[in-house]
Amino acid sequence: MTLGKITLTNDEINEYNRLKQKIRDARTRLEVSLYTKQAEQILEKGRLRYVSKLEQNKPEIKGIQEKSKMQDKKVKLSAYTAANQSYALPQSIKRSAFMGKLAKSNSGR
């Protein structure tokens, strides 16, 4: 079972819960530290298992990175050519009918 970034088996979950109960019932600091250390070891095994699972299921990143590099080069090239080409300026913005009415009403006519 995966909880957050830790993968534990059912036996490990049961053992961890048993250790938590022992920590609650412990009478000395030595017992608390011993049970805490055992619980941390269980969690560390779960973390390592989670990391190894991620590494095994990792997609091919190298191919994706090469494709993105090619796209960056294309973008740079197109930006360079666009800057060197002259384009006609956009036509003046047409006023909507509503804006025309506002302009006429404010002109004092």
PDB file of N, CA and C in Angstrom:
ATOM      1  N   MET A   1       0.853  -1.168   0.000  1.00  0.00           N
ATOM      2  CA  MET A   1       0.000   0.000   0.000  1.00  0.00           C
ATOM      3  C   MET A   1       0.903   1.237   0.000  1.00  0.00           C
ATOM      4  N   THR A   2       0.558   2.228  -0.836  1.00  0.00           N
ATOM      5  CA  THR A   2       1.346   3.452  -0.918  1.00  0.00           C
ATOM      6  C   THR A   2       0.615   4.567  -0.195  1.00  0.00           C
ATOM      7  N   LEU A   3       1.269   5.124   0.800  1.00  0.00           N
ATOM      8  CA  LEU A   3       0.713   6.234   1.569  1.00  0.00           C
ATOM      9  C   LEU A   3       1.659   7.411   1.407  1.00  0.00           C
ATOM     10  N   GLY A   4       1.242   8.422   0.682  1.00  0.00           N
ATOM     11  CA  GLY A   4       2.130   9.552   0.456  1.00  0.00           C
ATOM     12  C   GLY A   4       3.315   9.106  -0.367  1.00  0.00           C
ATOM     13  N   LYS A   5       4.503   9.127   0.210  1.00  0.00           N
ATOM     14  CA  LYS A   5       5.699   8.710  -0.511  1.00  0.00           C
ATOM     15  C   LYS A   5       6.334   7.490   0.142  1.00  0.00           C
ATOM     16  N   ILE A   6       5.497   6.643   0.742  1.00  0.00           N
ATOM     17  CA  ILE A   6       5.979   5.436   1.410  1.00  0.00           C
ATOM     18  C   ILE A   6       5.129   4.265   0.951  1.00  0.00           C
ATOM     19  N   THR A   7       5.785   3.167   0.582  1.00  0.00           N
ATOM     20  CA  THR A   7       5.070   1.960   0.186  1.00  0.00           C
ATOM     21  C   THR A   7       5.323   0.893   1.247  1.00  0.00           C
ATOM     22  N   LEU A   8       4.261   0.454   1.918  1.00  0.00           N
ATOM     23  CA  LEU A   8       4.380  -0.547   2.977  1.00  0.00           C
ATOM     24  C   LEU A   8       3.515  -1.757   2.656  1.00  0.00           C
ATOM     25  N   THR A   9       3.996  -2.924   3.089  1.00  0.00           N
ATOM     26  CA  THR A   9       3.182  -4.130   2.979  1.00  0.00           C
ATOM     27  C   THR A   9       2.228  -4.163   4.171  1.00  0.00           C
ATOM     28  N   ASN A  10       1.255  -5.053   4.120  1.00  0.00           N
ATOM     29  CA  ASN A  10       0.302  -5.165   5.239  1.00  0.00           C
ATOM     30  C   ASN A  10       1.007  -5.575   6.527  1.00  0.00           C
ATOM     31  N   ASP A  11       1.986  -6.470   6.418  1.00  0.00           N
ATOM     32  CA  ASP A  11       2.731  -6.892   7.608  1.00  0.00           C
ATOM     33  C   ASP A  11       3.486  -5.715   8.227  1.00  0.00           C
ATOM     34  N   GLU A  12       4.075  -4.875   7.368  1.00  0.00           N
ATOM     35  CA  GLU A  12       4.807  -3.715   7.879  1.00  0.00           C
ATOM     36  C   GLU A  12       3.861  -2.708   8.529  1.00  0.00           C
ATOM     37  N   ILE A  13       2.685  -2.550   7.955  1.00  0.00           N
ATOM     38  CA  ILE A  13       1.699  -1.643   8.551  1.00  0.00           C
ATOM     39  C   ILE A  13       1.283  -2.149   9.927  1.00  0.00           C
ATOM     40  N   ASN A  14       1.026  -3.449  10.029  1.00  0.00           N
ATOM     41  CA  ASN A  14       0.644  -4.033  11.322  1.00  0.00           C
ATOM     42  C   ASN A  14       1.766  -3.887  12.339  1.00  0.00           C
ATOM     43  N   GLU A  15       3.008  -4.149  11.907  1.00  0.00           N
ATOM     44  CA  GLU A  15       4.159  -4.023  12.802  1.00  0.00           C
ATOM     45  C   GLU A  15       4.332  -2.570  13.257  1.00  0.00           C
ATOM     46  N   TYR A  16       4.168  -1.632  12.337  1.00  0.00           N
ATOM     47  CA  TYR A  16       4.296  -0.204  12.661  1.00  0.00           C
ATOM     48  C   TYR A  16       3.232   0.218  13.675  1.00  0.00           C
ATOM     49  N   ASN A  17       2.002  -0.211  13.467  1.00  0.00           N
ATOM     50  CA  ASN A  17       0.930   0.119  14.414  1.00  0.00           C
ATOM     51  C   ASN A  17       1.174  -0.503  15.784  1.00  0.00           C
ATOM     52  N   ARG A  18       1.714  -1.727  15.789  1.00  0.00           N
ATOM     53  CA  ARG A  18       2.035  -2.388  17.056  1.00  0.00           C
ATOM     54  C   ARG A  18       3.131  -1.610  17.793  1.00  0.00           C
ATOM     55  N   LEU A  19       4.133  -1.130  17.034  1.00  0.00           N
ATOM     56  CA  LEU A  19       5.208  -0.348  17.648  1.00  0.00           C
ATOM     57  C   LEU A  19       4.690   0.990  18.181  1.00  0.00           C
ATOM     58  N   LYS A  20       3.763   1.620  17.461  1.00  0.00           N
ATOM     59  CA  LYS A  20       3.185   2.876  17.954  1.00  0.00           C
ATOM     60  C   LYS A  20       2.473   2.650  19.287  1.00  0.00           C
ATOM     61  N   GLN A  21       1.766   1.539  19.399  1.00  0.00           N
ATOM     62  CA  GLN A  21       1.080   1.232  20.653  1.00  0.00           C
ATOM     63  C   GLN A  21       2.096   0.970  21.764  1.00  0.00           C
ATOM     64  N   LYS A  22       3.195   0.275  21.426  1.00  0.00           N
ATOM     65  CA  LYS A  22       4.237   0.023  22.426  1.00  0.00           C
ATOM     66  C   LYS A  22       4.863   1.334  22.894  1.00  0.00           C
ATOM     67  N   ILE A  23       5.032   2.288  21.965  1.00  0.00           N
ATOM     68  CA  ILE A  23       5.603   3.590  22.338  1.00  0.00           C
ATOM     69  C   ILE A  23       4.670   4.296  23.315  1.00  0.00           C
ATOM     70  N   ARG A  24       3.364   4.219  23.070  1.00  0.00           N
ATOM     71  CA  ARG A  24       2.398   4.845  23.981  1.00  0.00           C
ATOM     72  C   ARG A  24       2.438   4.206  25.373  1.00  0.00           C
ATOM     73  N   ASP A  25       2.642   2.883  25.396  1.00  0.00           N
ATOM     74  CA  ASP A  25       2.625   2.153  26.664  1.00  0.00           C
ATOM     75  C   ASP A  25       3.987   2.098  27.347  1.00  0.00           C
ATOM     76  N   ALA A  26       5.038   2.584  26.679  1.00  0.00           N
ATOM     77  CA  ALA A  26       6.398   2.475  27.227  1.00  0.00           C
ATOM     78  C   ALA A  26       6.528   3.288  28.510  1.00  0.00           C
ATOM     79  N   ARG A  27       7.363   2.754  29.428  1.00  0.00           N
ATOM     80  CA  ARG A  27       7.533   3.404  30.722  1.00  0.00           C
ATOM     81  C   ARG A  27       8.867   4.137  30.827  1.00  0.00           C
ATOM     82  N   THR A  28       9.844   3.740  30.026  1.00  0.00           N
ATOM     83  CA  THR A  28      11.154   4.391  30.117  1.00  0.00           C
ATOM     84  C   THR A  28      11.526   5.017  28.775  1.00  0.00           C
ATOM     85  N   ARG A  29      12.458   5.956  28.851  1.00  0.00           N
ATOM     86  CA  ARG A  29      12.934   6.596  27.626  1.00  0.00           C
ATOM     87  C   ARG A  29      13.643   5.601  26.720  1.00  0.00           C
ATOM     88  N   LEU A  30      14.312   4.637  27.324  1.00  0.00           N
ATOM     89  CA  LEU A  30      15.029   3.626  26.548  1.00  0.00           C
ATOM     90  C   LEU A  30      14.059   2.819  25.694  1.00  0.00           C
ATOM     91  N   GLU A  31      12.938   2.416  26.276  1.00  0.00           N
ATOM     92  CA  GLU A  31      11.926   1.678  25.510  1.00  0.00           C
ATOM     93  C   GLU A  31      11.373   2.539  24.377  1.00  0.00           C
ATOM     94  N   VAL A  32      11.087   3.810  24.675  1.00  0.00           N
ATOM     95  CA  VAL A  32      10.543   4.708  23.656  1.00  0.00           C
ATOM     96  C   VAL A  32      11.525   4.845  22.499  1.00  0.00           C
ATOM     97  N   SER A  33      12.806   5.066  22.816  1.00  0.00           N
ATOM     98  CA  SER A  33      13.793   5.245  21.749  1.00  0.00           C
ATOM     99  C   SER A  33      13.982   3.966  20.945  1.00  0.00           C
ATOM    100  N   LEU A  34      13.925   2.808  21.603  1.00  0.00           N
ATOM    101  CA  LEU A  34      14.076   1.533  20.904  1.00  0.00           C
ATOM    102  C   LEU A  34      12.924   1.308  19.930  1.00  0.00           C
ATOM    103  N   TYR A  35      11.698   1.500  20.400  1.00  0.00           N
ATOM    104  CA  TYR A  35      10.530   1.287  19.535  1.00  0.00           C
ATOM    105  C   TYR A  35      10.458   2.336  18.421  1.00  0.00           C
ATOM    106  N   THR A  36      10.854   3.564  18.756  1.00  0.00           N
ATOM    107  CA  THR A  36      10.855   4.621  17.740  1.00  0.00           C
ATOM    108  C   THR A  36      11.844   4.294  16.634  1.00  0.00           C
ATOM    109  N   LYS A  37      13.015   3.798  17.021  1.00  0.00           N
ATOM    110  CA  LYS A  37      14.028   3.442  16.021  1.00  0.00           C
ATOM    111  C   LYS A  37      13.521   2.322  15.119  1.00  0.00           C
ATOM    112  N   GLN A  38      12.862   1.335  15.689  1.00  0.00           N
ATOM    113  CA  GLN A  38      12.316   0.237  14.886  1.00  0.00           C
ATOM    114  C   GLN A  38      11.240   0.747  13.925  1.00  0.00           C
ATOM    115  N   ALA A  39      10.392   1.662  14.408  1.00  0.00           N
ATOM    116  CA  ALA A  39       9.341   2.223  13.554  1.00  0.00           C
ATOM    117  C   ALA A  39       9.954   3.036  12.413  1.00  0.00           C
ATOM    118  N   GLU A  40      11.006   3.802  12.715  1.00  0.00           N
ATOM    119  CA  GLU A  40      11.681   4.585  11.677  1.00  0.00           C
ATOM    120  C   GLU A  40      12.315   3.682  10.625  1.00  0.00           C
ATOM    121  N   GLN A  41      12.839   2.534  11.057  1.00  0.00           N
ATOM    122  CA  GLN A  41      13.428   1.592  10.096  1.00  0.00           C
ATOM    123  C   GLN A  41      12.359   1.054   9.146  1.00  0.00           C
ATOM    124  N   ILE A  42      11.176   0.775   9.669  1.00  0.00           N
ATOM    125  CA  ILE A  42      10.079   0.295   8.821  1.00  0.00           C
ATOM    126  C   ILE A  42       9.706   1.363   7.797  1.00  0.00           C
ATOM    127  N   LEU A  43       9.598   2.616   8.263  1.00  0.00           N
ATOM    128  CA  LEU A  43       9.251   3.703   7.351  1.00  0.00           C
ATOM    129  C   LEU A  43      10.346   3.932   6.308  1.00  0.00           C
ATOM    130  N   GLU A  44      11.595   3.789   6.705  1.00  0.00           N
ATOM    131  CA  GLU A  44      12.701   3.975   5.759  1.00  0.00           C
ATOM    132  C   GLU A  44      12.673   2.894   4.681  1.00  0.00           C
ATOM    133  N   LYS A  45      12.361   1.659   5.068  1.00  0.00           N
ATOM    134  CA  LYS A  45      12.208   0.592   4.062  1.00  0.00           C
ATOM    135  C   LYS A  45      11.113   0.954   3.070  1.00  0.00           C
ATOM    136  N   GLY A  46      10.014   1.496   3.592  1.00  0.00           N
ATOM    137  CA  GLY A  46       8.908   1.905   2.727  1.00  0.00           C
ATOM    138  C   GLY A  46       9.302   3.022   1.780  1.00  0.00           C
ATOM    139  N   ARG A  47      10.092   3.988   2.278  1.00  0.00           N
ATOM    140  CA  ARG A  47      10.553   5.082   1.418  1.00  0.00           C
ATOM    141  C   ARG A  47      11.453   4.554   0.311  1.00  0.00           C
ATOM    142  N   LEU A  48      12.378   3.668   0.672  1.00  0.00           N
ATOM    143  CA  LEU A  48      13.291   3.101  -0.322  1.00  0.00           C
ATOM    144  C   LEU A  48      12.525   2.298  -1.364  1.00  0.00           C
ATOM    145  N   ARG A  49      11.513   1.563  -0.924  1.00  0.00           N
ATOM    146  CA  ARG A  49      10.695   0.788  -1.851  1.00  0.00           C
ATOM    147  C   ARG A  49       9.950   1.720  -2.805  1.00  0.00           C
ATOM    148  N   TYR A  50       9.450   2.834  -2.281  1.00  0.00           N
ATOM    149  CA  TYR A  50       8.738   3.816  -3.110  1.00  0.00           C
ATOM    150  C   TYR A  50       9.679   4.412  -4.163  1.00  0.00           C
ATOM    151  N   VAL A  51      10.896   4.764  -3.750  1.00  0.00           N
ATOM    152  CA  VAL A  51      11.863   5.352  -4.678  1.00  0.00           C
ATOM    153  C   VAL A  51      12.246   4.354  -5.756  1.00  0.00           C
ATOM    154  N   SER A  52      12.483   3.106  -5.377  1.00  0.00           N
ATOM    155  CA  SER A  52      12.859   2.102  -6.376  1.00  0.00           C
ATOM    156  C   SER A  52      11.710   1.855  -7.346  1.00  0.00           C
ATOM    157  N   LYS A  53      10.473   1.906  -6.846  1.00  0.00           N
ATOM    158  CA  LYS A  53       9.315   1.733  -7.726  1.00  0.00           C
ATOM    159  C   LYS A  53       9.244   2.879  -8.734  1.00  0.00           C
ATOM    160  N   LEU A  54       9.522   4.107  -8.270  1.00  0.00           N
ATOM    161  CA  LEU A  54       9.529   5.253  -9.182  1.00  0.00           C
ATOM    162  C   LEU A  54      10.608   5.106 -10.246  1.00  0.00           C
ATOM    163  N   GLU A  55      11.785   4.649  -9.841  1.00  0.00           N
ATOM    164  CA  GLU A  55      12.885   4.503 -10.794  1.00  0.00           C
ATOM    165  C   GLU A  55      12.579   3.432 -11.829  1.00  0.00           C
ATOM    166  N   GLN A  56      11.896   2.383 -11.432  1.00  0.00           N
ATOM    167  CA  GLN A  56      11.557   1.320 -12.375  1.00  0.00           C
ATOM    168  C   GLN A  56      10.503   1.777 -13.368  1.00  0.00           C
ATOM    169  N   ASN A  57       9.582   2.628 -12.938  1.00  0.00           N
ATOM    170  CA  ASN A  57       8.489   3.077 -13.800  1.00  0.00           C
ATOM    171  C   ASN A  57       8.791   4.395 -14.496  1.00  0.00           C
ATOM    172  N   LYS A  58      10.046   4.866 -14.421  1.00  0.00           N
ATOM    173  CA  LYS A  58      10.409   6.159 -14.992  1.00  0.00           C
ATOM    174  C   LYS A  58      10.357   6.082 -16.514  1.00  0.00           C
ATOM    175  N   PRO A  59       9.682   7.034 -17.174  1.00  0.00           N
ATOM    176  CA  PRO A  59       9.632   7.022 -18.641  1.00  0.00           C
ATOM    177  C   PRO A  59      10.969   7.446 -19.234  1.00  0.00           C
ATOM    178  N   GLU A  60      11.099   7.252 -20.524  1.00  0.00           N
ATOM    179  CA  GLU A  60      12.320   7.643 -21.212  1.00  0.00           C
ATOM    180  C   GLU A  60      12.375   9.161 -21.306  1.00  0.00           C
ATOM    181  N   ILE A  61      13.122   9.762 -20.423  1.00  0.00           N
ATOM    182  CA  ILE A  61      13.198  11.219 -20.382  1.00  0.00           C
ATOM    183  C   ILE A  61      14.145  11.732 -21.456  1.00  0.00           C
ATOM    184  N   LYS A  62      15.139  10.939 -21.802  1.00  0.00           N
ATOM    185  CA  LYS A  62      16.137  11.396 -22.752  1.00  0.00           C
ATOM    186  C   LYS A  62      15.503  11.765 -24.088  1.00  0.00           C
ATOM    187  N   GLY A  63      14.628  10.927 -24.612  1.00  0.00           N
ATOM    188  CA  GLY A  63      13.974  11.202 -25.883  1.00  0.00           C
ATOM    189  C   GLY A  63      13.113  12.450 -25.816  1.00  0.00           C
ATOM    190  N   ILE A  64      12.447  12.643 -24.696  1.00  0.00           N
ATOM    191  CA  ILE A  64      11.597  13.819 -24.525  1.00  0.00           C
ATOM    192  C   ILE A  64      12.457  15.078 -24.499  1.00  0.00           C
ATOM    193  N   GLN A  65      13.611  15.024 -23.822  1.00  0.00           N
ATOM    194  CA  GLN A  65      14.486  16.186 -23.750  1.00  0.00           C
ATOM    195  C   GLN A  65      15.029  16.543 -25.127  1.00  0.00           C
ATOM    196  N   GLU A  66      15.378  15.535 -25.930  1.00  0.00           N
ATOM    197  CA  GLU A  66      15.891  15.809 -27.269  1.00  0.00           C
ATOM    198  C   GLU A  66      14.820  16.466 -28.127  1.00  0.00           C
ATOM    199  N   LYS A  67      13.581  16.011 -28.015  1.00  0.00           N
ATOM    200  CA  LYS A  67      12.492  16.616 -28.781  1.00  0.00           C
ATOM    201  C   LYS A  67      12.282  18.065 -28.372  1.00  0.00           C
ATOM    202  N   SER A  68      12.350  18.339 -27.067  1.00  0.00           N
ATOM    203  CA  SER A  68      12.133  19.718 -26.611  1.00  0.00           C
ATOM    204  C   SER A  68      13.265  20.622 -27.080  1.00  0.00           C
ATOM    205  N   LYS A  69      14.496  20.097 -27.164  1.00  0.00           N
ATOM    206  CA  LYS A  69      15.607  20.903 -27.668  1.00  0.00           C
ATOM    207  C   LYS A  69      15.378  21.263 -29.128  1.00  0.00           C
ATOM    208  N   MET A  70      14.865  20.310 -29.914  1.00  0.00           N
ATOM    209  CA  MET A  70      14.586  20.588 -31.318  1.00  0.00           C
ATOM    210  C   MET A  70      13.506  21.654 -31.438  1.00  0.00           C
ATOM    211  N   GLN A  71      12.487  21.583 -30.600  1.00  0.00           N
ATOM    212  CA  GLN A  71      11.412  22.572 -30.642  1.00  0.00           C
ATOM    213  C   GLN A  71      11.942  23.950 -30.264  1.00  0.00           C
ATOM    214  N   ASP A  72      12.860  24.021 -29.289  1.00  0.00           N
ATOM    215  CA  ASP A  72      13.440  25.305 -28.906  1.00  0.00           C
ATOM    216  C   ASP A  72      14.200  25.916 -30.076  1.00  0.00           C
ATOM    217  N   LYS A  73      14.950  25.090 -30.807  1.00  0.00           N
ATOM    218  CA  LYS A  73      15.696  25.598 -31.955  1.00  0.00           C
ATOM    219  C   LYS A  73      14.746  26.126 -33.015  1.00  0.00           C
ATOM    220  N   LYS A  74      13.648  25.420 -33.248  1.00  0.00           N
ATOM    221  CA  LYS A  74      12.674  25.875 -34.236  1.00  0.00           C
ATOM    222  C   LYS A  74      12.057  27.197 -33.808  1.00  0.00           C
ATOM    223  N   VAL A  75      11.750  27.324 -32.529  1.00  0.00           N
ATOM    224  CA  VAL A  75      11.149  28.557 -32.026  1.00  0.00           C
ATOM    225  C   VAL A  75      12.121  29.712 -32.186  1.00  0.00           C
ATOM    226  N   LYS A  76      13.399  29.487 -31.858  1.00  0.00           N
ATOM    227  CA  LYS A  76      14.391  30.546 -31.994  1.00  0.00           C
ATOM    228  C   LYS A  76      14.534  30.951 -33.455  1.00  0.00           C
ATOM    229  N   LEU A  77      14.548  29.978 -34.335  1.00  0.00           N
ATOM    230  CA  LEU A  77      14.690  30.266 -35.751  1.00  0.00           C
ATOM    231  C   LEU A  77      13.496  31.063 -36.255  1.00  0.00           C
ATOM    232  N   SER A  78      12.301  30.664 -35.880  1.00  0.00           N
ATOM    233  CA  SER A  78      11.122  31.376 -36.359  1.00  0.00           C
ATOM    234  C   SER A  78      11.066  32.785 -35.770  1.00  0.00           C
ATOM    235  N   ALA A  79      11.509  32.973 -34.545  1.00  0.00           N
ATOM    236  CA  ALA A  79      11.525  34.308 -33.949  1.00  0.00           C
ATOM    237  C   ALA A  79      12.530  35.194 -34.679  1.00  0.00           C
ATOM    238  N   TYR A  80      13.643  34.620 -35.069  1.00  0.00           N
ATOM    239  CA  TYR A  80      14.665  35.382 -35.787  1.00  0.00           C
ATOM    240  C   TYR A  80      14.157  35.799 -37.158  1.00  0.00           C
ATOM    241  N   THR A  81      13.540  34.879 -37.867  1.00  0.00           N
ATOM    242  CA  THR A  81      13.038  35.215 -39.202  1.00  0.00           C
ATOM    243  C   THR A  81      11.886  36.198 -39.113  1.00  0.00           C
ATOM    244  N   ALA A  82      11.059  36.091 -38.086  1.00  0.00           N
ATOM    245  CA  ALA A  82       9.935  37.018 -37.937  1.00  0.00           C
ATOM    246  C   ALA A  82      10.444  38.431 -37.686  1.00  0.00           C
ATOM    247  N   ALA A  83      11.533  38.562 -36.948  1.00  0.00           N
ATOM    248  CA  ALA A  83      12.070  39.889 -36.658  1.00  0.00           C
ATOM    249  C   ALA A  83      12.658  40.520 -37.915  1.00  0.00           C
ATOM    250  N   ASN A  84      13.182  39.711 -38.815  1.00  0.00           N
ATOM    251  CA  ASN A  84      13.814  40.239 -40.020  1.00  0.00           C
ATOM    252  C   ASN A  84      12.827  40.512 -41.143  1.00  0.00           C
ATOM    253  N   GLN A  85      11.625  39.967 -41.054  1.00  0.00           N
ATOM    254  CA  GLN A  85      10.641  40.202 -42.102  1.00  0.00           C
ATOM    255  C   GLN A  85       9.786  41.396 -41.718  1.00  0.00           C
ATOM    256  N   SER A  86       9.429  42.200 -42.732  1.00  0.00           N
ATOM    257  CA  SER A  86       8.580  43.353 -42.427  1.00  0.00           C
ATOM    258  C   SER A  86       7.136  42.979 -42.724  1.00  0.00           C
ATOM    259  N   TYR A  87       6.265  43.314 -41.831  1.00  0.00           N
ATOM    260  CA  TYR A  87       4.847  43.033 -41.978  1.00  0.00           C
ATOM    261  C   TYR A  87       4.092  44.349 -42.039  1.00  0.00           C
ATOM    262  N   ALA A  88       2.959  44.327 -42.715  1.00  0.00           N
ATOM    263  CA  ALA A  88       2.114  45.515 -42.758  1.00  0.00           C
ATOM    264  C   ALA A  88       1.540  45.753 -41.371  1.00  0.00           C
ATOM    265  N   LEU A  89       1.450  46.991 -40.999  1.00  0.00           N
ATOM    266  CA  LEU A  89       0.884  47.306 -39.688  1.00  0.00           C
ATOM    267  C   LEU A  89      -0.610  47.007 -39.695  1.00  0.00           C
ATOM    268  N   PRO A  90      -1.187  46.658 -38.570  1.00  0.00           N
ATOM    269  CA  PRO A  90      -2.624  46.359 -38.541  1.00  0.00           C
ATOM    270  C   PRO A  90      -3.443  47.602 -38.860  1.00  0.00           C
ATOM    271  N   GLN A  91      -4.587  47.368 -39.446  1.00  0.00           N
ATOM    272  CA  GLN A  91      -5.485  48.477 -39.785  1.00  0.00           C
ATOM    273  C   GLN A  91      -5.974  49.138 -38.502  1.00  0.00           C
ATOM    274  N   SER A  92      -6.434  50.375 -38.626  1.00  0.00           N
ATOM    275  CA  SER A  92      -6.901  51.084 -37.438  1.00  0.00           C
ATOM    276  C   SER A  92      -8.096  50.346 -36.842  1.00  0.00           C
ATOM    277  N   ILE A  93      -8.241  50.447 -35.561  1.00  0.00           N
ATOM    278  CA  ILE A  93      -9.304  49.732 -34.858  1.00  0.00           C
ATOM    279  C   ILE A  93     -10.629  50.413 -35.156  1.00  0.00           C
ATOM    280  N   LYS A  94     -11.588  49.624 -35.567  1.00  0.00           N
ATOM    281  CA  LYS A  94     -12.910  50.169 -35.888  1.00  0.00           C
ATOM    282  C   LYS A  94     -13.679  50.420 -34.599  1.00  0.00           C
ATOM    283  N   ARG A  95     -14.387  51.535 -34.573  1.00  0.00           N
ATOM    284  CA  ARG A  95     -15.221  51.824 -33.408  1.00  0.00           C
ATOM    285  C   ARG A  95     -16.523  51.049 -33.516  1.00  0.00           C
ATOM    286  N   SER A  96     -16.976  50.546 -32.404  1.00  0.00           N
ATOM    287  CA  SER A  96     -18.285  49.902 -32.412  1.00  0.00           C
ATOM    288  C   SER A  96     -19.355  50.991 -32.432  1.00  0.00           C
ATOM    289  N   ALA A  97     -20.583  50.630 -32.747  1.00  0.00           N
ATOM    290  CA  ALA A  97     -21.671  51.603 -32.816  1.00  0.00           C
ATOM    291  C   ALA A  97     -21.875  52.284 -31.471  1.00  0.00           C
ATOM    292  N   PHE A  98     -21.739  51.529 -30.407  1.00  0.00           N
ATOM    293  CA  PHE A  98     -21.922  52.085 -29.068  1.00  0.00           C
ATOM    294  C   PHE A  98     -20.874  53.158 -28.783  1.00  0.00           C
ATOM    295  N   MET A  99     -19.620  52.872 -29.128  1.00  0.00           N
ATOM    296  CA  MET A  99     -18.549  53.842 -28.897  1.00  0.00           C
ATOM    297  C   MET A  99     -18.769  55.093 -29.745  1.00  0.00           C
ATOM    298  N   GLY A 100     -19.296  54.927 -30.961  1.00  0.00           N
ATOM    299  CA  GLY A 100     -19.582  56.081 -31.809  1.00  0.00           C
ATOM    300  C   GLY A 100     -20.627  56.980 -31.187  1.00  0.00           C
ATOM    301  N   LYS A 101     -21.643  56.381 -30.583  1.00  0.00           N
ATOM    302  CA  LYS A 101     -22.690  57.172 -29.939  1.00  0.00           C
ATOM    303  C   LYS A 101     -22.131  57.938 -28.750  1.00  0.00           C
ATOM    304  N   LEU A 102     -21.258  57.306 -27.994  1.00  0.00           N
ATOM    305  CA  LEU A 102     -20.657  57.996 -26.852  1.00  0.00           C
ATOM    306  C   LEU A 102     -19.824  59.178 -27.324  1.00  0.00           C
ATOM    307  N   ALA A 103     -19.081  58.974 -28.395  1.00  0.00           N
ATOM    308  CA  ALA A 103     -18.236  60.057 -28.905  1.00  0.00           C
ATOM    309  C   ALA A 103     -19.091  61.226 -29.381  1.00  0.00           C
ATOM    310  N   LYS A 104     -20.206  60.936 -30.038  1.00  0.00           N
ATOM    311  CA  LYS A 104     -21.076  62.007 -30.534  1.00  0.00           C
ATOM    312  C   LYS A 104     -21.732  62.755 -29.379  1.00  0.00           C
ATOM    313  N   SER A 105     -22.147  62.028 -28.343  1.00  0.00           N
ATOM    314  CA  SER A 105     -22.840  62.687 -27.235  1.00  0.00           C
ATOM    315  C   SER A 105     -21.889  63.594 -26.463  1.00  0.00           C
ATOM    316  N   ASN A 106     -20.627  63.244 -26.416  1.00  0.00           N
ATOM    317  CA  ASN A 106     -19.657  64.050 -25.680  1.00  0.00           C
ATOM    318  C   ASN A 106     -19.148  65.227 -26.502  1.00  0.00           C
ATOM    319  N   SER A 107     -19.384  65.209 -27.803  1.00  0.00           N
ATOM    320  CA  SER A 107     -18.836  66.274 -28.646  1.00  0.00           C
ATOM    321  C   SER A 107     -19.664  67.551 -28.577  1.00  0.00           C
ATOM    322  N   GLY A 108     -20.833  67.527 -27.979  1.00  0.00           N
ATOM    323  CA  GLY A 108     -21.648  68.714 -27.816  1.00  0.00           C
ATOM    324  C   GLY A 108     -22.555  69.000 -28.994  1.00  0.00           C
ATOM    325  N   ARG A 109     -22.723  68.071 -29.883  1.00  0.00           N
ATOM    326  CA  ARG A 109     -23.604  68.280 -31.045  1.00  0.00           C
ATOM    327  C   ARG A 109     -25.035  68.038 -30.706  1.00  0.00           C
TER     328      ARG A 109
END
